Amino acid sequence: MTGGRPSPGRRDCRRHGRRDDAGFVTAWTVAIAVFCWALVGLVVDGGRALRERSDAFGAAAGAARAGVQQIDERAAVQGELRLDETAAQDAAQAYLTARGFTGTAVVAGVDVTVSVSGRTDLKILVAPDSVGYAVSASARAVQGDGPI
């Protein structure tokens, strides 16, 4: 074979029936790499968001329990179950602050409802910078007849 021409009787594979697939493997590799990166991002950042939401719910529930422990002592002496609203709200807010959350505490009778909302930053996924969450938990003071 001279001059880059095929010898007579031999077929040039490039012209007859074979496609040139140069670059196909590169495109496939890039697509798979992007897919894997997105999958890892969903797992890691999704896990972070779920953990943050769970921690916020735990803090809201704990703050609600701290609030319902603030019984109005004057009413309790007379046999009435009532919460000291200011002390209940202060206790709930102190509980949230100690755990690094901010939220609101609402006292209604013997119920304390605490709501916490916030955002968690994503570390791998870049489309949304952060994901928001909102949780709420409540607790109720009940009068018992004796030790639990």
Protein backbone atom coordinates (compact mmCIF):
# COMPACT_ATOMS: atom_id res chain seq x y z
CA MET A 1 0.00 0.00 0.00
CA THR A 2 1.52 3.26 -1.10
CA GLY A 3 0.30 6.80 -0.91
CA GLY A 4 -2.44 6.00 1.59
CA ARG A 5 -4.62 4.27 -1.03
CA PRO A 6 -5.91 0.77 -0.44
CA SER A 7 -4.51 -1.93 -2.66
CA PRO A 8 -6.85 -3.32 -5.33
CA GLY A 9 -9.18 -5.98 -4.03
CA ARG A 10 -9.15 -4.70 -0.46
CA ARG A 11 -11.99 -2.61 0.76
CA ASP A 12 -11.52 0.58 2.66
CA CYS A 13 -13.39 -0.01 5.92
CA ARG A 14 -13.73 3.65 6.59
CA ARG A 15 -15.80 4.25 3.49
CA HIS A 16 -17.88 1.10 3.37
CA GLY A 17 -20.19 0.31 6.27
CA ARG A 18 -18.15 1.28 9.35
CA ARG A 19 -18.88 4.50 11.14
CA ASP A 20 -16.29 6.56 12.78
CA ASP A 21 -17.15 6.51 16.51
CA ALA A 22 -14.28 8.62 17.76
CA GLY A 23 -15.36 10.50 20.87
CA PHE A 24 -18.29 8.26 21.77
CA VAL A 25 -16.50 6.73 24.74
CA THR A 26 -15.49 10.16 26.00
CA ALA A 27 -19.07 11.46 25.89
CA TRP A 28 -20.34 8.30 27.60
CA THR A 29 -17.70 8.61 30.33
CA VAL A 30 -18.57 12.24 30.99
CA ALA A 31 -22.29 11.43 31.17
CA ILE A 32 -21.71 8.57 33.62
CA ALA A 33 -19.38 10.74 35.75
CA VAL A 34 -21.97 13.52 35.96
CA PHE A 35 -24.69 11.02 36.85
CA CYS A 36 -22.53 9.47 39.61
CA TRP A 37 -21.66 12.92 40.99
CA ALA A 38 -25.36 13.84 41.08
CA LEU A 39 -26.23 10.55 42.77
CA VAL A 40 -23.56 11.05 45.44
CA GLY A 41 -24.79 14.63 45.90
CA LEU A 42 -28.37 13.49 46.40
CA VAL A 43 -27.33 10.91 48.97
CA VAL A 44 -24.94 13.16 50.94
CA ASP A 45 -26.86 16.44 50.76
CA GLY A 46 -30.23 14.71 51.09
CA GLY A 47 -28.94 12.97 54.21
CA ARG A 48 -27.69 16.27 55.62
CA ALA A 49 -31.07 17.91 55.00
CA LEU A 50 -32.97 15.04 56.62
CA ARG A 51 -30.63 15.02 59.63
CA GLU A 52 -31.00 18.79 60.09
CA ARG A 53 -34.78 18.49 59.89
CA SER A 54 -34.74 15.64 62.41
CA ASP A 55 -32.52 17.64 64.77
CA ALA A 56 -34.86 20.62 64.45
CA PHE A 57 -37.87 18.43 65.26
CA GLY A 58 -36.05 17.02 68.30
CA ALA A 59 -35.23 20.53 69.50
CA ALA A 60 -38.85 21.65 68.99
CA ALA A 61 -40.18 18.65 70.91
CA GLY A 62 -37.67 19.16 73.73
CA ALA A 63 -38.52 22.85 73.94
CA ALA A 64 -42.23 22.03 74.13
CA ARG A 65 -41.54 19.59 76.98
CA ALA A 66 -39.43 22.23 78.76
CA GLY A 67 -42.29 24.67 78.40
CA VAL A 68 -44.98 22.41 79.84
CA GLN A 69 -42.87 21.87 82.95
CA GLN A 70 -43.48 25.49 83.93
CA ILE A 71 -46.55 24.93 86.07
CA ASP A 72 -48.20 27.93 87.73
CA GLU A 73 -47.47 27.16 91.39
CA ARG A 74 -50.27 29.30 92.81
CA ALA A 75 -52.85 27.46 90.70
CA ALA A 76 -51.28 24.09 91.53
CA VAL A 77 -51.68 24.70 95.28
CA GLN A 78 -55.41 25.11 94.70
CA GLY A 79 -55.52 21.88 92.65
CA GLU A 80 -55.78 23.57 89.29
CA LEU A 81 -53.47 22.70 86.39
CA ARG A 82 -52.30 25.82 84.61
CA LEU A 83 -49.05 26.90 83.00
CA ASP A 84 -47.10 30.05 83.79
CA GLU A 85 -47.22 31.36 80.21
CA THR A 86 -44.23 33.70 80.45
CA ALA A 87 -42.05 31.09 82.15
CA ALA A 88 -43.15 28.43 79.63
CA GLN A 89 -42.25 30.62 76.65
CA ASP A 90 -38.92 31.61 78.23
CA ALA A 91 -38.05 27.98 79.00
CA ALA A 92 -38.87 26.89 75.44
CA GLN A 93 -36.83 29.72 73.93
CA ALA A 94 -33.88 28.98 76.22
CA TYR A 95 -33.98 25.32 75.20
CA LEU A 96 -33.95 26.22 71.51
CA THR A 97 -31.17 28.77 71.94
CA ALA A 98 -29.00 26.26 73.82
CA ARG A 99 -29.27 23.90 70.84
CA GLY A 100 -28.62 26.55 68.20
CA PHE A 101 -32.14 26.87 66.80
CA THR A 102 -34.56 29.75 66.61
CA GLY A 103 -38.30 29.38 66.71
CA THR A 104 -41.53 30.42 68.30
CA ALA A 105 -43.31 29.03 71.34
CA VAL A 106 -47.06 29.43 71.79
CA VAL A 107 -48.75 28.63 75.10
CA ALA A 108 -52.47 27.87 75.02
CA GLY A 109 -53.87 26.59 78.30
CA VAL A 110 -51.85 23.50 79.17
CA ASP A 111 -50.44 23.08 75.65
CA VAL A 112 -47.13 24.40 74.38
CA THR A 113 -46.47 24.33 70.64
CA VAL A 114 -43.00 25.12 69.35
CA SER A 115 -42.25 25.77 65.69
CA VAL A 116 -38.74 25.77 64.25
CA SER A 117 -37.72 26.62 60.70
CA GLY A 118 -34.41 27.09 59.00
CA ARG A 119 -32.19 26.26 56.06
CA THR A 120 -29.39 23.77 55.61
CA ASP A 121 -26.56 24.39 53.15
CA LEU A 122 -25.80 21.84 50.49
CA LYS A 123 -22.17 20.79 50.06
CA ILE A 124 -22.16 18.81 46.80
CA LEU A 125 -25.20 19.79 44.74
CA VAL A 126 -24.88 23.25 43.27
CA ALA A 127 -28.31 23.90 41.74
CA PRO A 128 -29.99 24.99 44.99
CA ASP A 129 -27.59 26.53 47.49
CA SER A 130 -29.70 25.46 50.43
CA VAL A 131 -32.84 23.56 51.34
CA GLY A 132 -35.47 24.91 53.72
CA TYR A 133 -37.34 23.02 56.38
CA ALA A 134 -40.12 23.78 58.84
CA VAL A 135 -41.11 21.56 61.75
CA SER A 136 -43.49 21.87 64.64
CA ALA A 137 -43.91 19.91 67.86
CA SER A 138 -46.25 20.26 70.79
CA ALA A 139 -46.56 18.95 74.33
CA ARG A 140 -49.41 18.96 76.82
CA ALA A 141 -49.24 19.12 80.59
CA VAL A 142 -51.46 16.54 82.21
CA GLN A 143 -52.41 16.10 85.82
CA GLY A 144 -51.62 12.69 87.21
CA ASP A 145 -52.90 10.83 90.23
CA GLY A 146 -49.53 9.56 91.32
CA PRO A 147 -46.07 8.61 90.16
CA ILE A 148 -45.73 7.38 86.62
